[in-house]
Amino acid sequence: MSTPSIRTASARNAAATSARTAVAAFAAMLLGSFLLYGVGFAQPQQIHDAAHDARHSFAFPCH
């Protein structure tokens, strides 16, 4: 008697996991596209300054 409810719960968990994976993949693609186009249209000096500031924020010596 409990077998159908276990299968139903398992199917719901699989569907929820699949939906979360799809949302995460879409968010990653959206972020990646934003970064790619943002860097593509930025001026070289702006990219250098952003990388330079990032290095300093992680206490990485760069000069």
PDB file of N, CA and C in Angstrom:
ATOM      1  N   MET A   1       0.801  -1.194   0.000  1.00  0.00           N
ATOM      2  CA  MET A   1       0.000   0.000   0.000  1.00  0.00           C
ATOM      3  C   MET A   1       0.849   1.265   0.000  1.00  0.00           C
ATOM      4  N   SER A   2       1.992   1.256   0.625  1.00  0.00           N
ATOM      5  CA  SER A   2       2.809   2.463   0.695  1.00  0.00           C
ATOM      6  C   SER A   2       3.677   2.664  -0.548  1.00  0.00           C
ATOM      7  N   THR A   3       3.758   1.674  -1.405  1.00  0.00           N
ATOM      8  CA  THR A   3       4.609   1.766  -2.595  1.00  0.00           C
ATOM      9  C   THR A   3       4.190   2.898  -3.532  1.00  0.00           C
ATOM     10  N   PRO A   4       2.894   3.083  -3.855  1.00  0.00           N
ATOM     11  CA  PRO A   4       2.526   4.194  -4.746  1.00  0.00           C
ATOM     12  C   PRO A   4       2.874   5.563  -4.163  1.00  0.00           C
ATOM     13  N   SER A   5       2.711   5.739  -2.861  1.00  0.00           N
ATOM     14  CA  SER A   5       3.029   7.042  -2.276  1.00  0.00           C
ATOM     15  C   SER A   5       4.537   7.281  -2.275  1.00  0.00           C
ATOM     16  N   ILE A   6       5.329   6.214  -2.108  1.00  0.00           N
ATOM     17  CA  ILE A   6       6.784   6.368  -2.160  1.00  0.00           C
ATOM     18  C   ILE A   6       7.206   6.751  -3.578  1.00  0.00           C
ATOM     19  N   ARG A   7       6.629   6.105  -4.577  1.00  0.00           N
ATOM     20  CA  ARG A   7       6.952   6.433  -5.966  1.00  0.00           C
ATOM     21  C   ARG A   7       6.537   7.855  -6.303  1.00  0.00           C
ATOM     22  N   THR A   8       5.382   8.283  -5.802  1.00  0.00           N
ATOM     23  CA  THR A   8       4.903   9.630  -6.063  1.00  0.00           C
ATOM     24  C   THR A   8       5.829  10.652  -5.414  1.00  0.00           C
ATOM     25  N   ALA A   9       6.222  10.406  -4.177  1.00  0.00           N
ATOM     26  CA  ALA A   9       7.131  11.319  -3.489  1.00  0.00           C
ATOM     27  C   ALA A   9       8.480  11.349  -4.183  1.00  0.00           C
ATOM     28  N   SER A  10       8.942  10.206  -4.628  1.00  0.00           N
ATOM     29  CA  SER A  10      10.219  10.137  -5.331  1.00  0.00           C
ATOM     30  C   SER A  10      10.160  10.894  -6.652  1.00  0.00           C
ATOM     31  N   ALA A  11       9.048  10.770  -7.358  1.00  0.00           N
ATOM     32  CA  ALA A  11       8.877  11.490  -8.623  1.00  0.00           C
ATOM     33  C   ALA A  11       8.823  12.986  -8.388  1.00  0.00           C
ATOM     34  N   ARG A  12       8.158  13.396  -7.304  1.00  0.00           N
ATOM     35  CA  ARG A  12       8.104  14.830  -6.996  1.00  0.00           C
ATOM     36  C   ARG A  12       9.484  15.364  -6.643  1.00  0.00           C
ATOM     37  N   ASN A  13      10.267  14.593  -5.869  1.00  0.00           N
ATOM     38  CA  ASN A  13      11.623  15.012  -5.527  1.00  0.00           C
ATOM     39  C   ASN A  13      12.493  15.113  -6.765  1.00  0.00           C
ATOM     40  N   ALA A  14      12.358  14.162  -7.673  1.00  0.00           N
ATOM     41  CA  ALA A  14      13.136  14.187  -8.908  1.00  0.00           C
ATOM     42  C   ALA A  14      12.753  15.394  -9.754  1.00  0.00           C
ATOM     43  N   ALA A  15      11.469  15.709  -9.820  1.00  0.00           N
ATOM     44  CA  ALA A  15      11.008  16.866 -10.599  1.00  0.00           C
ATOM     45  C   ALA A  15      11.506  18.161  -9.967  1.00  0.00           C
ATOM     46  N   ALA A  16      11.465  18.244  -8.640  1.00  0.00           N
ATOM     47  CA  ALA A  16      11.939  19.448  -7.957  1.00  0.00           C
ATOM     48  C   ALA A  16      13.439  19.620  -8.155  1.00  0.00           C
ATOM     49  N   THR A  17      14.184  18.527  -8.085  1.00  0.00           N
ATOM     50  CA  THR A  17      15.624  18.591  -8.292  1.00  0.00           C
ATOM     51  C   THR A  17      15.937  19.003  -9.720  1.00  0.00           C
ATOM     52  N   SER A  18      15.187  18.471 -10.658  1.00  0.00           N
ATOM     53  CA  SER A  18      15.376  18.827 -12.065  1.00  0.00           C
ATOM     54  C   SER A  18      15.068  20.301 -12.294  1.00  0.00           C
ATOM     55  N   ALA A  19      14.018  20.804 -11.673  1.00  0.00           N
ATOM     56  CA  ALA A  19      13.654  22.213 -11.821  1.00  0.00           C
ATOM     57  C   ALA A  19      14.723  23.112 -11.209  1.00  0.00           C
ATOM     58  N   ARG A  20      15.244  22.744 -10.046  1.00  0.00           N
ATOM     59  CA  ARG A  20      16.299  23.551  -9.418  1.00  0.00           C
ATOM     60  C   ARG A  20      17.558  23.552 -10.272  1.00  0.00           C
ATOM     61  N   THR A  21      17.876  22.417 -10.870  1.00  0.00           N
ATOM     62  CA  THR A  21      19.046  22.326 -11.740  1.00  0.00           C
ATOM     63  C   THR A  21      18.868  23.205 -12.968  1.00  0.00           C
ATOM     64  N   ALA A  22      17.676  23.197 -13.538  1.00  0.00           N
ATOM     65  CA  ALA A  22      17.405  24.026 -14.720  1.00  0.00           C
ATOM     66  C   ALA A  22      17.494  25.509 -14.373  1.00  0.00           C
ATOM     67  N   VAL A  23      16.966  25.904 -13.231  1.00  0.00           N
ATOM     68  CA  VAL A  23      17.036  27.306 -12.810  1.00  0.00           C
ATOM     69  C   VAL A  23      18.489  27.712 -12.566  1.00  0.00           C
ATOM     70  N   ALA A  24      19.253  26.855 -11.923  1.00  0.00           N
ATOM     71  CA  ALA A  24      20.663  27.154 -11.672  1.00  0.00           C
ATOM     72  C   ALA A  24      21.452  27.253 -12.977  1.00  0.00           C
ATOM     73  N   ALA A  25      21.173  26.378 -13.911  1.00  0.00           N
ATOM     74  CA  ALA A  25      21.863  26.428 -15.207  1.00  0.00           C
ATOM     75  C   ALA A  25      21.499  27.708 -15.954  1.00  0.00           C
ATOM     76  N   PHE A  26      20.234  28.092 -15.931  1.00  0.00           N
ATOM     77  CA  PHE A  26      19.818  29.320 -16.595  1.00  0.00           C
ATOM     78  C   PHE A  26      20.471  30.531 -15.944  1.00  0.00           C
ATOM     79  N   ALA A  27      20.525  30.569 -14.615  1.00  0.00           N
ATOM     80  CA  ALA A  27      21.155  31.684 -13.918  1.00  0.00           C
ATOM     81  C   ALA A  27      22.644  31.763 -14.247  1.00  0.00           C
ATOM     82  N   ALA A  28      23.311  30.619 -14.327  1.00  0.00           N
ATOM     83  CA  ALA A  28      24.730  30.605 -14.676  1.00  0.00           C
ATOM     84  C   ALA A  28      24.954  31.100 -16.103  1.00  0.00           C
ATOM     85  N   MET A  29      24.087  30.695 -17.025  1.00  0.00           N
ATOM     86  CA  MET A  29      24.207  31.164 -18.410  1.00  0.00           C
ATOM     87  C   MET A  29      23.946  32.662 -18.503  1.00  0.00           C
ATOM     88  N   LEU A  30      22.978  33.151 -17.752  1.00  0.00           N
ATOM     89  CA  LEU A  30      22.671  34.574 -17.755  1.00  0.00           C
ATOM     90  C   LEU A  30      23.834  35.381 -17.186  1.00  0.00           C
ATOM     91  N   LEU A  31      24.385  34.931 -16.078  1.00  0.00           N
ATOM     92  CA  LEU A  31      25.535  35.617 -15.479  1.00  0.00           C
ATOM     93  C   LEU A  31      26.741  35.562 -16.407  1.00  0.00           C
ATOM     94  N   GLY A  32      26.998  34.412 -17.006  1.00  0.00           N
ATOM     95  CA  GLY A  32      28.128  34.278 -17.923  1.00  0.00           C
ATOM     96  C   GLY A  32      27.978  35.173 -19.131  1.00  0.00           C
ATOM     97  N   SER A  33      26.769  35.249 -19.683  1.00  0.00           N
ATOM     98  CA  SER A  33      26.533  36.133 -20.832  1.00  0.00           C
ATOM     99  C   SER A  33      26.732  37.591 -20.441  1.00  0.00           C
ATOM    100  N   PHE A  34      26.234  37.955 -19.281  1.00  0.00           N
ATOM    101  CA  PHE A  34      26.406  39.327 -18.806  1.00  0.00           C
ATOM    102  C   PHE A  34      27.887  39.667 -18.658  1.00  0.00           C
ATOM    103  N   LEU A  35      28.650  38.766 -18.056  1.00  0.00           N
ATOM    104  CA  LEU A  35      30.081  39.020 -17.884  1.00  0.00           C
ATOM    105  C   LEU A  35      30.805  39.071 -19.222  1.00  0.00           C
ATOM    106  N   LEU A  36      30.467  38.178 -20.109  1.00  0.00           N
ATOM    107  CA  LEU A  36      31.117  38.141 -21.416  1.00  0.00           C
ATOM    108  C   LEU A  36      30.856  39.424 -22.197  1.00  0.00           C
ATOM    109  N   TYR A  37      29.613  39.846 -22.262  1.00  0.00           N
ATOM    110  CA  TYR A  37      29.294  41.073 -22.996  1.00  0.00           C
ATOM    111  C   TYR A  37      29.796  42.309 -22.248  1.00  0.00           C
ATOM    112  N   GLY A  38      29.773  42.274 -20.927  1.00  0.00           N
ATOM    113  CA  GLY A  38      30.292  43.400 -20.154  1.00  0.00           C
ATOM    114  C   GLY A  38      31.768  43.618 -20.402  1.00  0.00           C
ATOM    115  N   VAL A  39      32.524  42.553 -20.443  1.00  0.00           N
ATOM    116  CA  VAL A  39      33.953  42.655 -20.719  1.00  0.00           C
ATOM    117  C   VAL A  39      34.180  42.997 -22.188  1.00  0.00           C
ATOM    118  N   GLY A  40      33.344  42.470 -23.062  1.00  0.00           N
ATOM    119  CA  GLY A  40      33.504  42.734 -24.491  1.00  0.00           C
ATOM    120  C   GLY A  40      33.299  44.188 -24.853  1.00  0.00           C
ATOM    121  N   PHE A  41      32.400  44.873 -24.155  1.00  0.00           N
ATOM    122  CA  PHE A  41      32.114  46.263 -24.480  1.00  0.00           C
ATOM    123  C   PHE A  41      32.857  47.253 -23.592  1.00  0.00           C
ATOM    124  N   ALA A  42      33.546  46.786 -22.579  1.00  0.00           N
ATOM    125  CA  ALA A  42      34.286  47.683 -21.694  1.00  0.00           C
ATOM    126  C   ALA A  42      35.577  48.146 -22.362  1.00  0.00           C
ATOM    127  N   GLN A  43      36.025  49.289 -21.961  1.00  0.00           N
ATOM    128  CA  GLN A  43      37.293  49.817 -22.464  1.00  0.00           C
ATOM    129  C   GLN A  43      38.443  49.083 -21.768  1.00  0.00           C
ATOM    130  N   PRO A  44      39.581  48.920 -22.454  1.00  0.00           N
ATOM    131  CA  PRO A  44      40.703  48.186 -21.851  1.00  0.00           C
ATOM    132  C   PRO A  44      41.154  48.770 -20.508  1.00  0.00           C
ATOM    133  N   GLN A  45      41.133  50.064 -20.368  1.00  0.00           N
ATOM    134  CA  GLN A  45      41.558  50.669 -19.102  1.00  0.00           C
ATOM    135  C   GLN A  45      40.590  50.301 -17.975  1.00  0.00           C
ATOM    136  N   GLN A  46      39.306  50.228 -18.270  1.00  0.00           N
ATOM    137  CA  GLN A  46      38.321  49.859 -17.257  1.00  0.00           C
ATOM    138  C   GLN A  46      38.525  48.412 -16.815  1.00  0.00           C
ATOM    139  N   ILE A  47      38.832  47.538 -17.760  1.00  0.00           N
ATOM    140  CA  ILE A  47      39.074  46.137 -17.424  1.00  0.00           C
ATOM    141  C   ILE A  47      40.319  46.022 -16.552  1.00  0.00           C
ATOM    142  N   HIS A  48      41.365  46.759 -16.910  1.00  0.00           N
ATOM    143  CA  HIS A  48      42.592  46.727 -16.117  1.00  0.00           C
ATOM    144  C   HIS A  48      42.324  47.235 -14.703  1.00  0.00           C
ATOM    145  N   ASP A  49      41.600  48.338 -14.596  1.00  0.00           N
ATOM    146  CA  ASP A  49      41.315  48.899 -13.277  1.00  0.00           C
ATOM    147  C   ASP A  49      40.484  47.936 -12.424  1.00  0.00           C
ATOM    148  N   ALA A  50      39.513  47.253 -13.039  1.00  0.00           N
ATOM    149  CA  ALA A  50      38.696  46.294 -12.289  1.00  0.00           C
ATOM    150  C   ALA A  50      39.541  45.119 -11.818  1.00  0.00           C
ATOM    151  N   ALA A  51      40.402  44.606 -12.679  1.00  0.00           N
ATOM    152  CA  ALA A  51      41.274  43.495 -12.281  1.00  0.00           C
ATOM    153  C   ALA A  51      42.261  43.947 -11.210  1.00  0.00           C
ATOM    154  N   HIS A  52      42.764  45.147 -11.358  1.00  0.00           N
ATOM    155  CA  HIS A  52      43.713  45.696 -10.385  1.00  0.00           C
ATOM    156  C   HIS A  52      43.059  45.835  -9.018  1.00  0.00           C
ATOM    157  N   ASP A  53      41.841  46.371  -8.993  1.00  0.00           N
ATOM    158  CA  ASP A  53      41.119  46.523  -7.730  1.00  0.00           C
ATOM    159  C   ASP A  53      40.779  45.165  -7.120  1.00  0.00           C
ATOM    160  N   ALA A  54      40.442  44.197  -7.958  1.00  0.00           N
ATOM    161  CA  ALA A  54      40.144  42.858  -7.452  1.00  0.00           C
ATOM    162  C   ALA A  54      41.380  42.232  -6.823  1.00  0.00           C
ATOM    163  N   ARG A  55      42.533  42.414  -7.458  1.00  0.00           N
ATOM    164  CA  ARG A  55      43.758  41.880  -6.874  1.00  0.00           C
ATOM    165  C   ARG A  55      44.036  42.501  -5.522  1.00  0.00           C
ATOM    166  N   HIS A  56      43.835  43.802  -5.412  1.00  0.00           N
ATOM    167  CA  HIS A  56      44.060  44.472  -4.120  1.00  0.00           C
ATOM    168  C   HIS A  56      43.050  44.001  -3.065  1.00  0.00           C
ATOM    169  N   SER A  57      41.815  43.747  -3.460  1.00  0.00           N
ATOM    170  CA  SER A  57      40.810  43.327  -2.483  1.00  0.00           C
ATOM    171  C   SER A  57      41.114  41.948  -1.918  1.00  0.00           C
ATOM    172  N   PHE A  58      41.852  41.106  -2.669  1.00  0.00           N
ATOM    173  CA  PHE A  58      42.251  39.805  -2.180  1.00  0.00           C
ATOM    174  C   PHE A  58      43.654  39.816  -1.590  1.00  0.00           C
ATOM    175  N   ALA A  59      44.220  40.999  -1.381  1.00  0.00           N
ATOM    176  CA  ALA A  59      45.548  41.183  -0.798  1.00  0.00           C
ATOM    177  C   ALA A  59      46.625  40.495  -1.634  1.00  0.00           C
ATOM    178  N   PHE A  60      46.431  40.493  -2.949  1.00  0.00           N
ATOM    179  CA  PHE A  60      47.400  39.930  -3.870  1.00  0.00           C
ATOM    180  C   PHE A  60      48.308  41.033  -4.353  1.00  0.00           C
ATOM    181  N   PRO A  61      49.619  40.900  -4.139  1.00  0.00           N
ATOM    182  CA  PRO A  61      50.516  41.984  -4.573  1.00  0.00           C
ATOM    183  C   PRO A  61      50.602  42.041  -6.100  1.00  0.00           C
ATOM    184  N   CYS A  62      50.394  43.202  -6.657  1.00  0.00           N
ATOM    185  CA  CYS A  62      50.431  43.309  -8.114  1.00  0.00           C
ATOM    186  C   CYS A  62      51.433  44.365  -8.582  1.00  0.00           C
ATOM    187  N   HIS A  63      52.007  45.126  -7.679  1.00  0.00           N
ATOM    188  CA  HIS A  63      53.066  46.072  -8.078  1.00  0.00           C
ATOM    189  C   HIS A  63      53.904  46.422  -6.890  1.00  0.00           C
TER     190      HIS A  63
END
